[in-house]
Amino acid sequence: MHEKPKRIELIARAVGRRNGRLLLCRNVANGYAFLPGGHIEPGETAAAALAREFMEECGVPVTVGNLLLVNEHRFVQDDRPRHEINLVFHVEPRQGPWPQRMQSLEKAISFEWIEPAALPEAKLLPPPLLAWLLAGGPDSDQGPWLSDPGAVS
C-alpha cells in the first residue's frame, strides 16, 4: 500500500492560444511540459495566482477568463505520493497579441507554442490534461470535472 500524500496541492493553470497553437511550459532539467501556472497561495484567488505566476515566470500581464476544467490528479514523484487539483482557465494577454516568443524569467522553465497535433510527443503532464486537450480541450464535451481514478489509491 502506498503512503498517503501529506497535502493536496491547489494549482491554477492556463490555456493560452496563439494562431491555433497552445502555450506550454517546459521543465528544462527533466524535459516534461505542463500548462503554465502555479500554486495558489493561502488567501489568494485562483485568478490572482495565475496572473501572478505569469508575471513571475514570463513578465506578461494576463486577463484570466473562464474556468474550463477542474482536474484531480494523484501520482508518485521521486518516490513521494502527490495529490493535486488543477484549476484550468482560459487566459489572454492584457494588451495586444501574445508574444511570438515567450521569454522565461526563470532558468528552470521555458515556454513554447505547440501545434495540437504535436501534443502526444510533448511529454505533457498530468496525463489527464493531455487526454482532455487531445479530445478538444475547451471545445470538447468533456468536463468541467476530470479525475484520474486509476492513479495512486
N, C-alpha and C. Protein backbone atom coordinates (compact mmCIF):
# COMPACT_ATOMS: atom_id res chain seq x y z
N MET A 1 0.84 -1.18 0.00
CA MET A 1 0.00 0.00 0.00
C MET A 1 0.88 1.25 0.00
N HIS A 2 0.47 2.23 -0.77
CA HIS A 2 1.24 3.47 -0.89
C HIS A 2 0.98 4.40 0.29
N GLU A 3 1.99 5.11 0.64
CA GLU A 3 1.88 6.16 1.65
C GLU A 3 0.95 7.24 1.10
N LYS A 4 0.21 7.92 1.98
CA LYS A 4 -0.70 8.97 1.55
C LYS A 4 0.05 10.29 1.42
N PRO A 5 -0.36 11.13 0.45
CA PRO A 5 0.26 12.46 0.35
C PRO A 5 0.00 13.25 1.62
N LYS A 6 0.91 14.15 1.94
CA LYS A 6 0.80 14.96 3.15
C LYS A 6 -0.16 16.13 2.98
N ARG A 7 -0.41 16.54 1.73
CA ARG A 7 -1.32 17.65 1.47
C ARG A 7 -1.84 17.56 0.04
N ILE A 8 -2.86 18.34 -0.23
CA ILE A 8 -3.38 18.48 -1.59
C ILE A 8 -2.88 19.81 -2.13
N GLU A 9 -2.22 19.78 -3.27
CA GLU A 9 -1.72 21.00 -3.89
C GLU A 9 -2.80 21.57 -4.80
N LEU A 10 -3.06 22.87 -4.67
CA LEU A 10 -4.05 23.56 -5.49
C LEU A 10 -3.30 24.42 -6.49
N ILE A 11 -3.53 24.15 -7.79
CA ILE A 11 -2.74 24.79 -8.84
C ILE A 11 -3.66 25.44 -9.87
N ALA A 12 -3.36 26.68 -10.22
CA ALA A 12 -4.07 27.38 -11.30
C ALA A 12 -3.25 27.23 -12.57
N ARG A 13 -3.88 26.78 -13.64
CA ARG A 13 -3.19 26.57 -14.91
C ARG A 13 -3.92 27.32 -16.02
N ALA A 14 -3.22 27.54 -17.12
CA ALA A 14 -3.76 28.37 -18.20
C ALA A 14 -3.79 27.65 -19.54
N VAL A 15 -4.83 27.93 -20.29
CA VAL A 15 -4.89 27.58 -21.70
C VAL A 15 -4.78 28.90 -22.45
N GLY A 16 -3.63 29.09 -23.08
CA GLY A 16 -3.39 30.26 -23.92
C GLY A 16 -3.17 29.80 -25.34
N ARG A 17 -3.78 30.48 -26.30
CA ARG A 17 -3.66 30.09 -27.70
C ARG A 17 -3.21 31.26 -28.56
N ARG A 18 -2.35 30.93 -29.52
CA ARG A 18 -1.85 31.93 -30.48
C ARG A 18 -1.80 31.26 -31.85
N ASN A 19 -2.55 31.78 -32.80
CA ASN A 19 -2.58 31.23 -34.16
C ASN A 19 -2.78 29.72 -34.18
N GLY A 20 -3.70 29.23 -33.35
CA GLY A 20 -4.01 27.81 -33.32
C GLY A 20 -3.06 26.97 -32.48
N ARG A 21 -2.02 27.57 -31.96
CA ARG A 21 -1.05 26.85 -31.12
C ARG A 21 -1.36 27.05 -29.65
N LEU A 22 -0.93 26.10 -28.85
CA LEU A 22 -1.16 26.11 -27.41
C LEU A 22 0.14 26.45 -26.70
N LEU A 23 0.04 27.29 -25.66
CA LEU A 23 1.21 27.66 -24.89
C LEU A 23 1.51 26.58 -23.85
N LEU A 24 2.74 26.06 -23.88
CA LEU A 24 3.19 25.09 -22.88
C LEU A 24 4.41 25.65 -22.16
N CYS A 25 4.58 25.18 -20.95
CA CYS A 25 5.74 25.48 -20.14
C CYS A 25 6.52 24.17 -20.03
N ARG A 26 7.85 24.23 -20.13
CA ARG A 26 8.65 23.01 -20.10
C ARG A 26 9.67 23.07 -18.95
N ASN A 27 9.76 21.97 -18.21
CA ASN A 27 10.79 21.82 -17.19
C ASN A 27 12.09 21.53 -17.94
N VAL A 28 13.04 22.45 -17.86
CA VAL A 28 14.27 22.34 -18.64
C VAL A 28 15.09 21.11 -18.25
N ALA A 29 15.21 20.84 -16.96
CA ALA A 29 16.05 19.72 -16.50
C ALA A 29 15.47 18.36 -16.84
N ASN A 30 14.14 18.22 -16.73
CA ASN A 30 13.53 16.90 -16.91
C ASN A 30 12.79 16.72 -18.24
N GLY A 31 12.57 17.78 -18.98
CA GLY A 31 12.01 17.68 -20.32
C GLY A 31 10.50 17.59 -20.43
N TYR A 32 9.80 17.42 -19.34
CA TYR A 32 8.35 17.31 -19.45
C TYR A 32 7.72 18.70 -19.57
N ALA A 33 6.49 18.75 -20.10
CA ALA A 33 5.78 20.01 -20.28
C ALA A 33 4.53 20.02 -19.42
N PHE A 34 4.00 21.20 -19.20
CA PHE A 34 2.76 21.38 -18.44
C PHE A 34 2.11 22.68 -18.88
N LEU A 35 0.84 22.84 -18.56
CA LEU A 35 0.18 24.10 -18.84
C LEU A 35 0.73 25.15 -17.88
N PRO A 36 0.98 26.37 -18.36
CA PRO A 36 1.55 27.41 -17.50
C PRO A 36 0.67 27.68 -16.28
N GLY A 37 1.30 28.10 -15.22
CA GLY A 37 0.59 28.44 -14.00
C GLY A 37 1.40 28.05 -12.79
N GLY A 38 0.72 27.90 -11.66
CA GLY A 38 1.43 27.52 -10.45
C GLY A 38 0.52 27.43 -9.25
N HIS A 39 1.14 27.26 -8.11
CA HIS A 39 0.41 27.04 -6.86
C HIS A 39 -0.35 28.29 -6.41
N ILE A 40 -1.53 28.04 -5.88
CA ILE A 40 -2.35 29.09 -5.30
C ILE A 40 -1.95 29.22 -3.83
N GLU A 41 -1.61 30.43 -3.44
CA GLU A 41 -1.19 30.68 -2.06
C GLU A 41 -2.42 30.89 -1.17
N PRO A 42 -2.33 30.56 0.12
CA PRO A 42 -3.46 30.80 1.03
C PRO A 42 -3.92 32.26 0.97
N GLY A 43 -5.22 32.45 0.87
CA GLY A 43 -5.80 33.79 0.80
C GLY A 43 -5.81 34.39 -0.59
N GLU A 44 -5.24 33.72 -1.58
CA GLU A 44 -5.16 34.21 -2.95
C GLU A 44 -6.23 33.53 -3.79
N THR A 45 -6.89 34.27 -4.65
CA THR A 45 -7.84 33.62 -5.56
C THR A 45 -7.07 32.89 -6.66
N ALA A 46 -7.72 31.94 -7.30
CA ALA A 46 -7.07 31.20 -8.38
C ALA A 46 -6.69 32.13 -9.53
N ALA A 47 -7.58 33.07 -9.87
CA ALA A 47 -7.29 34.02 -10.95
C ALA A 47 -6.10 34.90 -10.60
N ALA A 48 -6.03 35.37 -9.35
CA ALA A 48 -4.90 36.20 -8.93
C ALA A 48 -3.60 35.40 -8.96
N ALA A 49 -3.66 34.14 -8.55
CA ALA A 49 -2.46 33.28 -8.58
C ALA A 49 -1.97 33.10 -10.01
N LEU A 50 -2.89 32.88 -10.93
CA LEU A 50 -2.50 32.67 -12.32
C LEU A 50 -1.88 33.94 -12.90
N ALA A 51 -2.48 35.08 -12.64
CA ALA A 51 -1.92 36.35 -13.12
C ALA A 51 -0.54 36.59 -12.51
N ARG A 52 -0.38 36.30 -11.22
CA ARG A 52 0.92 36.46 -10.54
C ARG A 52 1.97 35.55 -11.16
N GLU A 53 1.60 34.28 -11.38
CA GLU A 53 2.55 33.32 -11.95
C GLU A 53 3.03 33.76 -13.34
N PHE A 54 2.12 34.29 -14.16
CA PHE A 54 2.54 34.77 -15.49
C PHE A 54 3.54 35.92 -15.36
N MET A 55 3.28 36.83 -14.43
CA MET A 55 4.23 37.95 -14.24
C MET A 55 5.57 37.44 -13.74
N GLU A 56 5.56 36.50 -12.80
CA GLU A 56 6.81 35.97 -12.25
C GLU A 56 7.60 35.14 -13.26
N GLU A 57 6.88 34.38 -14.08
CA GLU A 57 7.55 33.43 -14.97
C GLU A 57 7.92 33.99 -16.34
N CYS A 58 7.13 34.95 -16.85
CA CYS A 58 7.44 35.46 -18.18
C CYS A 58 7.22 36.96 -18.33
N GLY A 59 6.69 37.62 -17.31
CA GLY A 59 6.51 39.07 -17.37
C GLY A 59 5.37 39.53 -18.25
N VAL A 60 4.47 38.63 -18.63
CA VAL A 60 3.34 39.00 -19.48
C VAL A 60 2.09 39.16 -18.61
N PRO A 61 1.51 40.36 -18.55
CA PRO A 61 0.27 40.52 -17.80
C PRO A 61 -0.88 39.86 -18.57
N VAL A 62 -1.69 39.09 -17.85
CA VAL A 62 -2.79 38.36 -18.50
C VAL A 62 -4.12 38.71 -17.85
N THR A 63 -5.15 38.52 -18.64
CA THR A 63 -6.52 38.57 -18.15
C THR A 63 -6.98 37.12 -18.04
N VAL A 64 -7.42 36.75 -16.85
CA VAL A 64 -7.87 35.38 -16.62
C VAL A 64 -9.35 35.31 -16.92
N GLY A 65 -9.71 34.38 -17.81
CA GLY A 65 -11.10 34.23 -18.24
C GLY A 65 -11.80 33.11 -17.51
N ASN A 66 -12.63 32.41 -18.24
CA ASN A 66 -13.48 31.36 -17.68
C ASN A 66 -12.71 30.16 -17.19
N LEU A 67 -13.23 29.55 -16.13
CA LEU A 67 -12.73 28.26 -15.66
C LEU A 67 -13.18 27.22 -16.68
N LEU A 68 -12.25 26.46 -17.23
CA LEU A 68 -12.54 25.48 -18.27
C LEU A 68 -12.65 24.07 -17.73
N LEU A 69 -11.83 23.76 -16.70
CA LEU A 69 -11.74 22.39 -16.24
C LEU A 69 -11.18 22.35 -14.83
N VAL A 70 -11.65 21.39 -14.05
CA VAL A 70 -11.06 21.06 -12.76
C VAL A 70 -10.55 19.64 -12.90
N ASN A 71 -9.27 19.44 -12.63
CA ASN A 71 -8.65 18.12 -12.78
C ASN A 71 -8.01 17.70 -11.47
N GLU A 72 -8.43 16.55 -10.96
CA GLU A 72 -7.79 15.96 -9.79
C GLU A 72 -6.82 14.91 -10.28
N HIS A 73 -5.61 14.95 -9.75
CA HIS A 73 -4.59 14.01 -10.22
C HIS A 73 -3.74 13.55 -9.03
N ARG A 74 -3.58 12.24 -8.92
CA ARG A 74 -2.72 11.65 -7.89
C ARG A 74 -1.63 10.87 -8.60
N PHE A 75 -0.40 11.00 -8.09
CA PHE A 75 0.74 10.36 -8.74
C PHE A 75 1.89 10.25 -7.76
N VAL A 76 2.93 9.56 -8.17
CA VAL A 76 4.14 9.42 -7.37
C VAL A 76 5.26 10.13 -8.11
N GLN A 77 5.98 11.00 -7.39
CA GLN A 77 7.10 11.73 -7.96
C GLN A 77 8.28 11.63 -7.00
N ASP A 78 9.40 11.15 -7.49
CA ASP A 78 10.59 10.96 -6.64
C ASP A 78 10.25 10.12 -5.41
N ASP A 79 9.50 9.04 -5.63
CA ASP A 79 9.09 8.11 -4.57
C ASP A 79 8.17 8.73 -3.52
N ARG A 80 7.60 9.90 -3.81
CA ARG A 80 6.68 10.54 -2.87
C ARG A 80 5.30 10.63 -3.50
N PRO A 81 4.26 10.23 -2.76
CA PRO A 81 2.90 10.38 -3.30
C PRO A 81 2.52 11.85 -3.37
N ARG A 82 1.85 12.22 -4.45
CA ARG A 82 1.41 13.60 -4.65
C ARG A 82 -0.07 13.58 -4.99
N HIS A 83 -0.75 14.65 -4.65
CA HIS A 83 -2.18 14.80 -4.93
C HIS A 83 -2.39 16.27 -5.26
N GLU A 84 -2.88 16.54 -6.48
CA GLU A 84 -3.10 17.92 -6.86
C GLU A 84 -4.46 18.12 -7.50
N ILE A 85 -4.96 19.32 -7.33
CA ILE A 85 -6.18 19.77 -8.00
C ILE A 85 -5.74 20.90 -8.92
N ASN A 86 -5.98 20.73 -10.22
CA ASN A 86 -5.64 21.74 -11.21
C ASN A 86 -6.90 22.47 -11.64
N LEU A 87 -6.90 23.79 -11.51
CA LEU A 87 -7.98 24.64 -11.99
C LEU A 87 -7.48 25.26 -13.29
N VAL A 88 -8.09 24.89 -14.41
CA VAL A 88 -7.60 25.31 -15.72
C VAL A 88 -8.50 26.42 -16.27
N PHE A 89 -7.88 27.57 -16.57
CA PHE A 89 -8.58 28.76 -17.04
C PHE A 89 -8.14 29.15 -18.44
N HIS A 90 -9.02 29.82 -19.14
CA HIS A 90 -8.66 30.48 -20.39
C HIS A 90 -7.95 31.78 -20.01
N VAL A 91 -6.84 32.11 -20.69
CA VAL A 91 -6.15 33.37 -20.45
C VAL A 91 -5.83 34.07 -21.77
N GLU A 92 -5.77 35.37 -21.71
CA GLU A 92 -5.38 36.21 -22.84
C GLU A 92 -4.40 37.25 -22.32
N PRO A 93 -3.48 37.72 -23.17
CA PRO A 93 -2.61 38.82 -22.74
C PRO A 93 -3.46 40.06 -22.51
N ARG A 94 -3.09 40.84 -21.52
CA ARG A 94 -3.88 42.02 -21.17
C ARG A 94 -3.83 43.06 -22.28
N GLN A 95 -2.70 43.17 -22.99
CA GLN A 95 -2.57 44.16 -24.06
C GLN A 95 -2.00 43.50 -25.30
N GLY A 96 -2.68 43.68 -26.42
CA GLY A 96 -2.17 43.19 -27.68
C GLY A 96 -2.17 41.67 -27.78
N PRO A 97 -1.54 41.16 -28.83
CA PRO A 97 -1.50 39.70 -29.02
C PRO A 97 -0.40 39.07 -28.15
N TRP A 98 -0.45 37.75 -28.07
CA TRP A 98 0.61 37.02 -27.37
C TRP A 98 1.93 37.26 -28.08
N PRO A 99 3.03 37.35 -27.34
CA PRO A 99 4.35 37.42 -28.00
C PRO A 99 4.62 36.14 -28.78
N GLN A 100 5.29 36.28 -29.92
CA GLN A 100 5.64 35.11 -30.72
C GLN A 100 6.59 34.22 -29.95
N ARG A 101 7.53 34.82 -29.25
CA ARG A 101 8.47 34.08 -28.41
C ARG A 101 8.22 34.49 -26.97
N MET A 102 7.92 33.52 -26.15
CA MET A 102 7.68 33.77 -24.73
C MET A 102 9.00 33.57 -24.00
N GLN A 103 9.52 34.62 -23.42
CA GLN A 103 10.79 34.58 -22.71
C GLN A 103 10.55 34.19 -21.25
N SER A 104 11.24 33.18 -20.78
CA SER A 104 11.13 32.76 -19.39
C SER A 104 12.02 33.63 -18.52
N LEU A 105 11.50 34.02 -17.36
CA LEU A 105 12.28 34.78 -16.38
C LEU A 105 12.89 33.85 -15.34
N GLU A 106 12.63 32.55 -15.48
CA GLU A 106 13.15 31.55 -14.55
C GLU A 106 13.97 30.54 -15.33
N LYS A 107 15.17 30.21 -14.84
CA LYS A 107 16.08 29.31 -15.56
C LYS A 107 15.56 27.88 -15.65
N ALA A 108 14.72 27.48 -14.73
CA ALA A 108 14.26 26.09 -14.68
C ALA A 108 13.18 25.77 -15.70
N ILE A 109 12.58 26.80 -16.32
CA ILE A 109 11.48 26.56 -17.26
C ILE A 109 11.70 27.32 -18.56
N SER A 110 11.03 26.84 -19.60
CA SER A 110 10.98 27.55 -20.88
C SER A 110 9.55 27.49 -21.38
N PHE A 111 9.24 28.34 -22.33
CA PHE A 111 7.90 28.36 -22.92
C PHE A 111 7.98 28.02 -24.39
N GLU A 112 6.91 27.43 -24.91
CA GLU A 112 6.85 27.13 -26.34
C GLU A 112 5.40 27.11 -26.79
N TRP A 113 5.23 27.45 -28.05
CA TRP A 113 3.92 27.34 -28.70
C TRP A 113 3.93 26.03 -29.47
N ILE A 114 2.90 25.22 -29.29
CA ILE A 114 2.89 23.90 -29.90
C ILE A 114 1.59 23.67 -30.67
N GLU A 115 1.73 23.04 -31.81
CA GLU A 115 0.56 22.65 -32.60
C GLU A 115 -0.18 21.54 -31.86
N PRO A 116 -1.49 21.55 -31.86
CA PRO A 116 -2.23 20.47 -31.18
C PRO A 116 -1.83 19.07 -31.66
N ALA A 117 -1.49 18.92 -32.93
CA ALA A 117 -1.10 17.60 -33.46
C ALA A 117 0.20 17.10 -32.82
N ALA A 118 1.02 17.98 -32.27
CA ALA A 118 2.29 17.60 -31.66
C ALA A 118 2.16 17.30 -30.17
N LEU A 119 0.97 17.45 -29.61
CA LEU A 119 0.78 17.22 -28.17
C LEU A 119 1.19 15.82 -27.71
N PRO A 120 0.90 14.76 -28.46
CA PRO A 120 1.29 13.43 -27.97
C PRO A 120 2.79 13.27 -27.73
N GLU A 121 3.63 14.00 -28.44
CA GLU A 121 5.07 13.90 -28.27
C GLU A 121 5.62 14.94 -27.29
N ALA A 122 4.78 15.79 -26.74
CA ALA A 122 5.23 16.91 -25.92
C ALA A 122 5.58 16.54 -24.48
N LYS A 123 5.28 15.31 -24.06
CA LYS A 123 5.52 14.89 -22.67
C LYS A 123 4.75 15.79 -21.69
N LEU A 124 3.49 16.07 -22.04
CA LEU A 124 2.65 16.94 -21.23
C LEU A 124 2.12 16.20 -20.02
N LEU A 125 2.27 16.81 -18.86
CA LEU A 125 1.76 16.27 -17.60
C LEU A 125 0.78 17.25 -16.99
N PRO A 126 -0.18 16.79 -16.22
CA PRO A 126 -0.50 15.39 -15.96
C PRO A 126 -1.24 14.76 -17.14
N PRO A 127 -1.17 13.43 -17.26
CA PRO A 127 -1.79 12.74 -18.39
C PRO A 127 -3.27 13.06 -18.61
N PRO A 128 -4.10 13.24 -17.57
CA PRO A 128 -5.50 13.58 -17.85
C PRO A 128 -5.66 14.90 -18.60
N LEU A 129 -4.77 15.87 -18.37
CA LEU A 129 -4.86 17.13 -19.11
C LEU A 129 -4.49 16.93 -20.57
N LEU A 130 -3.52 16.06 -20.83
CA LEU A 130 -3.17 15.74 -22.21
C LEU A 130 -4.37 15.11 -22.90
N ALA A 131 -5.01 14.14 -22.25
CA ALA A 131 -6.18 13.48 -22.84
C ALA A 131 -7.29 14.49 -23.12
N TRP A 132 -7.50 15.41 -22.19
CA TRP A 132 -8.53 16.45 -22.36
C TRP A 132 -8.21 17.33 -23.56
N LEU A 133 -6.94 17.77 -23.67
CA LEU A 133 -6.56 18.61 -24.79
C LEU A 133 -6.67 17.87 -26.12
N LEU A 134 -6.29 16.59 -26.13
CA LEU A 134 -6.40 15.80 -27.37
C LEU A 134 -7.85 15.59 -27.77
N ALA A 135 -8.76 15.61 -26.79
CA ALA A 135 -10.19 15.46 -27.07
C ALA A 135 -10.82 16.80 -27.49
N GLY A 136 -10.01 17.85 -27.56
CA GLY A 136 -10.52 19.15 -27.98
C GLY A 136 -10.44 20.21 -26.91
N GLY A 137 -10.00 19.82 -25.70
CA GLY A 137 -9.83 20.79 -24.62
C GLY A 137 -11.08 21.59 -24.37
N PRO A 138 -10.97 22.92 -24.41
CA PRO A 138 -12.13 23.77 -24.13
C PRO A 138 -13.29 23.54 -25.09
N ASP A 139 -12.99 22.99 -26.27
CA ASP A 139 -14.04 22.77 -27.26
C ASP A 139 -14.65 21.36 -27.18
N SER A 140 -14.14 20.55 -26.25
CA SER A 140 -14.67 19.19 -26.12
C SER A 140 -15.91 19.18 -25.24
N ASP A 141 -16.61 18.07 -25.24
CA ASP A 141 -17.78 17.95 -24.36
C ASP A 141 -17.39 17.30 -23.04
N GLN A 142 -16.08 17.13 -22.81
CA GLN A 142 -15.57 16.55 -21.58
C GLN A 142 -15.37 17.66 -20.55
N GLY A 143 -15.70 17.41 -19.33
CA GLY A 143 -15.52 18.40 -18.29
C GLY A 143 -16.87 18.82 -17.76
N PRO A 144 -16.92 19.69 -16.79
CA PRO A 144 -15.86 20.50 -16.25
C PRO A 144 -15.00 19.82 -15.19
N TRP A 145 -15.29 18.55 -14.90
CA TRP A 145 -14.53 17.82 -13.88
C TRP A 145 -13.86 16.64 -14.55
N LEU A 146 -12.57 16.46 -14.29
CA LEU A 146 -11.84 15.34 -14.85
C LEU A 146 -10.94 14.79 -13.77
N SER A 147 -11.25 13.58 -13.31
CA SER A 147 -10.45 12.98 -12.26
C SER A 147 -9.67 11.81 -12.85
N ASP A 148 -8.67 11.39 -12.12
CA ASP A 148 -7.79 10.33 -12.56
C ASP A 148 -7.90 9.16 -11.57
N PRO A 149 -9.00 8.39 -11.64
CA PRO A 149 -9.24 7.37 -10.62
C PRO A 149 -8.25 6.22 -10.62
N GLY A 150 -7.52 6.00 -11.71
CA GLY A 150 -6.60 4.87 -11.78
C GLY A 150 -5.24 5.15 -11.15
N ALA A 151 -5.02 6.33 -10.66
CA ALA A 151 -3.71 6.66 -10.10
C ALA A 151 -3.58 6.11 -8.67
N VAL A 152 -2.60 6.59 -7.97
CA VAL A 152 -2.32 6.13 -6.60
C VAL A 152 -3.60 6.08 -5.78
N SER A 153 -3.82 4.96 -5.07
CA SER A 153 -5.02 4.89 -4.24
C SER A 153 -4.70 4.99 -2.78
